Amino acid sequence: MYGFTENYIKVEIEYKPNLSNRIADVSLLEINDNGNVKIKLIDKKSFKFKLA
């Protein structure tokens, strides 16, 4: 699954249904082969609804 940081860095994490349309605190880990940045969740309890 993919998303973007505040400054439009494209990030990638394995699919987690509870992350869809959410904003979460993450750590950037490394750039993978397709140019996306792998991430790690910092606090699983801090999910917020994404405002459109």
N, C-alpha and C. Protein backbone atom coordinates (compact mmCIF):
# COMPACT_ATOMS: atom_id res chain seq x y z
N MET A 1 0.85 -1.16 0.00
CA MET A 1 0.00 0.00 0.00
C MET A 1 0.90 1.22 0.00
N TYR A 2 0.40 2.31 -0.58
CA TYR A 2 1.22 3.49 -0.80
C TYR A 2 0.57 4.73 -0.18
N GLY A 3 1.39 5.72 0.06
CA GLY A 3 0.91 7.00 0.57
C GLY A 3 2.00 8.04 0.36
N PHE A 4 1.77 9.22 0.93
CA PHE A 4 2.73 10.33 0.79
C PHE A 4 2.96 11.00 2.13
N THR A 5 4.17 11.50 2.31
CA THR A 5 4.47 12.30 3.49
C THR A 5 3.96 13.72 3.25
N GLU A 6 4.09 14.57 4.27
CA GLU A 6 3.67 15.98 4.14
C GLU A 6 4.38 16.67 2.98
N ASN A 7 5.62 16.27 2.70
CA ASN A 7 6.37 16.91 1.61
C ASN A 7 6.46 16.01 0.37
N TYR A 8 5.43 15.17 0.19
CA TYR A 8 5.20 14.40 -1.03
C TYR A 8 6.24 13.34 -1.35
N ILE A 9 6.86 12.76 -0.33
CA ILE A 9 7.71 11.59 -0.55
C ILE A 9 6.78 10.38 -0.62
N LYS A 10 6.87 9.60 -1.69
CA LYS A 10 6.01 8.43 -1.82
C LYS A 10 6.53 7.32 -0.92
N VAL A 11 5.65 6.80 -0.07
CA VAL A 11 6.02 5.77 0.90
C VAL A 11 5.24 4.49 0.64
N GLU A 12 5.78 3.38 1.15
CA GLU A 12 5.21 2.07 0.90
C GLU A 12 5.29 1.22 2.17
N ILE A 13 4.22 0.47 2.43
CA ILE A 13 4.17 -0.48 3.54
C ILE A 13 3.30 -1.64 3.11
N GLU A 14 3.49 -2.81 3.72
CA GLU A 14 2.63 -3.94 3.39
C GLU A 14 1.18 -3.58 3.71
N TYR A 15 0.23 -4.18 2.99
CA TYR A 15 -1.18 -3.83 3.12
C TYR A 15 -1.69 -4.10 4.54
N LYS A 16 -2.33 -3.09 5.11
CA LYS A 16 -2.97 -3.19 6.42
C LYS A 16 -4.31 -2.48 6.29
N PRO A 17 -5.43 -3.23 6.32
CA PRO A 17 -6.74 -2.63 6.09
C PRO A 17 -7.06 -1.46 7.02
N ASN A 18 -6.56 -1.50 8.25
CA ASN A 18 -6.86 -0.43 9.21
C ASN A 18 -6.12 0.87 8.90
N LEU A 19 -5.20 0.87 7.92
CA LEU A 19 -4.48 2.09 7.55
C LEU A 19 -5.14 2.84 6.40
N SER A 20 -6.11 2.23 5.72
CA SER A 20 -6.74 2.89 4.58
C SER A 20 -7.39 4.20 5.00
N ASN A 21 -7.10 5.26 4.24
CA ASN A 21 -7.63 6.61 4.48
C ASN A 21 -7.31 7.13 5.88
N ARG A 22 -6.14 6.80 6.37
CA ARG A 22 -5.70 7.26 7.69
C ARG A 22 -4.39 8.02 7.58
N ILE A 23 -4.15 8.86 8.56
CA ILE A 23 -2.85 9.52 8.71
C ILE A 23 -2.18 8.88 9.91
N ALA A 24 -0.93 8.49 9.76
CA ALA A 24 -0.22 7.80 10.84
C ALA A 24 1.19 8.36 10.98
N ASP A 25 1.73 8.29 12.18
CA ASP A 25 3.12 8.66 12.42
C ASP A 25 4.00 7.49 12.02
N VAL A 26 5.01 7.77 11.19
CA VAL A 26 5.88 6.71 10.69
C VAL A 26 7.34 7.16 10.72
N SER A 27 8.23 6.19 10.60
CA SER A 27 9.66 6.45 10.41
C SER A 27 10.01 6.01 9.00
N LEU A 28 10.80 6.83 8.30
CA LEU A 28 11.29 6.46 6.97
C LEU A 28 12.48 5.54 7.16
N LEU A 29 12.49 4.40 6.43
CA LEU A 29 13.55 3.41 6.62
C LEU A 29 14.58 3.42 5.50
N GLU A 30 14.14 3.12 4.27
CA GLU A 30 15.08 3.01 3.16
C GLU A 30 14.34 3.16 1.84
N ILE A 31 15.07 3.51 0.81
CA ILE A 31 14.50 3.62 -0.54
C ILE A 31 14.60 2.24 -1.18
N ASN A 32 13.45 1.75 -1.69
CA ASN A 32 13.47 0.42 -2.32
C ASN A 32 13.78 0.54 -3.81
N ASP A 33 13.76 -0.59 -4.53
CA ASP A 33 14.18 -0.63 -5.93
C ASP A 33 13.30 0.21 -6.86
N ASN A 34 12.01 0.39 -6.51
CA ASN A 34 11.15 1.20 -7.38
C ASN A 34 11.10 2.66 -6.96
N GLY A 35 11.97 3.09 -6.05
CA GLY A 35 12.08 4.50 -5.69
C GLY A 35 11.17 4.95 -4.58
N ASN A 36 10.35 4.05 -4.03
CA ASN A 36 9.50 4.40 -2.89
C ASN A 36 10.28 4.20 -1.60
N VAL A 37 9.85 4.86 -0.54
CA VAL A 37 10.52 4.74 0.75
C VAL A 37 9.73 3.78 1.63
N LYS A 38 10.41 2.76 2.13
CA LYS A 38 9.77 1.85 3.08
C LYS A 38 9.63 2.57 4.41
N ILE A 39 8.53 2.28 5.11
CA ILE A 39 8.25 2.96 6.38
C ILE A 39 7.97 1.95 7.49
N LYS A 40 8.04 2.45 8.72
CA LYS A 40 7.69 1.67 9.91
C LYS A 40 6.74 2.53 10.73
N LEU A 41 5.65 1.93 11.21
CA LEU A 41 4.71 2.66 12.06
C LEU A 41 5.36 2.98 13.39
N ILE A 42 5.17 4.19 13.88
CA ILE A 42 5.73 4.59 15.16
C ILE A 42 4.76 4.26 16.29
N ASP A 43 3.52 4.69 16.15
CA ASP A 43 2.53 4.49 17.21
C ASP A 43 1.22 4.05 16.58
N LYS A 44 0.89 2.77 16.72
CA LYS A 44 -0.31 2.22 16.07
C LYS A 44 -1.59 2.80 16.63
N LYS A 45 -1.55 3.44 17.79
CA LYS A 45 -2.76 4.00 18.40
C LYS A 45 -3.03 5.43 17.95
N SER A 46 -2.13 6.01 17.14
CA SER A 46 -2.26 7.41 16.79
C SER A 46 -2.91 7.64 15.42
N PHE A 47 -3.61 6.65 14.87
CA PHE A 47 -4.25 6.84 13.56
C PHE A 47 -5.29 7.93 13.66
N LYS A 48 -5.36 8.76 12.62
CA LYS A 48 -6.35 9.80 12.54
C LYS A 48 -7.06 9.67 11.20
N PHE A 49 -8.29 10.14 11.13
CA PHE A 49 -8.98 10.15 9.85
C PHE A 49 -8.35 11.18 8.94
N LYS A 50 -8.25 10.84 7.67
CA LYS A 50 -7.70 11.76 6.69
C LYS A 50 -8.76 12.78 6.33
N LEU A 51 -8.44 14.04 6.39
CA LEU A 51 -9.38 15.08 6.03
C LEU A 51 -9.26 15.38 4.55
N ALA A 52 -10.40 15.41 3.87
CA ALA A 52 -10.37 15.67 2.42
C ALA A 52 -10.78 17.08 2.12
